[in-house]
Amino acid sequence: MAAMKLIDPNHPFFAKAWVRWLTALFPLGWAAFEFVNGSPGWGVVFAALGALAFWALIVRGPDRPDNQG
């Protein structure tokens, strides 16, 4: 049995590149906002979530379809 992914880059919601980028960058921007406003705890939480999303959606990305056809 395969483990369930927290963020599945192959889900149809993430088919468009701009959606993947926005999903990854928004939490990082929010982390900066929290740090600037003196909430380092929330800043760390959102930075970690943004880093995870960036790794899963941008660096690793969706699987490439096989060129069978």
Protein backbone atom coordinates (compact mmCIF):
# COMPACT_ATOMS: atom_id res chain seq x y z
CA MET A 1 0.00 0.00 0.00
CA ALA A 2 1.44 3.37 -1.02
CA ALA A 3 1.60 6.21 1.45
CA MET A 4 -0.66 9.20 0.85
CA LYS A 5 1.19 12.34 -0.22
CA LEU A 6 0.65 15.63 1.59
CA ILE A 7 0.92 17.47 -1.74
CA ASP A 8 0.29 15.46 -4.90
CA PRO A 9 1.82 17.29 -7.88
CA ASN A 10 -0.04 14.94 -10.25
CA HIS A 11 -3.47 16.08 -9.05
CA PRO A 12 -5.42 17.85 -11.83
CA PHE A 13 -5.59 21.02 -9.71
CA PHE A 14 -1.82 21.46 -10.17
CA ALA A 15 -1.84 20.86 -13.94
CA LYS A 16 -1.13 24.54 -14.70
CA ALA A 17 2.35 25.83 -13.88
CA TRP A 18 1.08 29.14 -12.48
CA VAL A 19 -1.07 27.28 -9.93
CA ARG A 20 1.96 25.28 -8.77
CA TRP A 21 4.09 28.43 -8.48
CA LEU A 22 1.39 30.37 -6.63
CA THR A 23 0.78 27.47 -4.24
CA ALA A 24 4.50 27.34 -3.46
CA LEU A 25 5.23 31.08 -3.25
CA PHE A 26 2.18 32.33 -1.33
CA PRO A 27 3.10 30.62 1.98
CA LEU A 28 6.69 31.90 1.64
CA GLY A 29 5.39 35.43 1.18
CA TRP A 30 3.08 35.00 4.14
CA ALA A 31 6.04 33.76 6.22
CA ALA A 32 7.90 36.98 5.40
CA PHE A 33 4.82 38.97 6.45
CA GLU A 34 4.69 37.13 9.77
CA PHE A 35 8.40 37.66 10.44
CA VAL A 36 8.14 41.39 9.67
CA ASN A 37 5.17 41.75 12.01
CA GLY A 38 6.93 40.05 14.90
CA SER A 39 5.42 36.56 14.81
CA PRO A 40 8.41 34.27 14.30
CA GLY A 41 6.47 31.13 15.30
CA TRP A 42 3.95 31.56 12.51
CA GLY A 43 6.74 32.65 10.21
CA VAL A 44 8.54 29.35 10.75
CA VAL A 45 5.33 27.37 10.19
CA PHE A 46 4.53 29.11 6.90
CA ALA A 47 8.16 29.00 5.75
CA ALA A 48 8.22 25.24 6.32
CA LEU A 49 4.94 24.76 4.45
CA GLY A 50 6.15 26.96 1.60
CA ALA A 51 9.44 25.06 1.40
CA LEU A 52 7.57 21.75 1.30
CA ALA A 53 5.23 23.00 -1.42
CA PHE A 54 8.14 24.43 -3.41
CA TRP A 55 10.04 21.15 -3.23
CA ALA A 56 7.01 19.01 -4.13
CA LEU A 57 5.51 21.21 -6.84
CA ILE A 58 8.46 23.01 -8.44
CA VAL A 59 11.65 21.07 -7.78
CA ARG A 60 10.21 17.55 -7.96
CA GLY A 61 7.17 18.52 -10.03
CA PRO A 62 4.56 16.33 -11.67
CA ASP A 63 5.51 13.04 -13.28
CA ARG A 64 6.34 13.24 -16.96
CA PRO A 65 3.84 11.36 -19.15
CA ASP A 66 5.30 8.48 -21.12
CA ASN A 67 5.68 9.12 -24.83
CA GLN A 68 3.67 6.08 -25.82
CA GLY A 69 1.45 6.66 -28.66
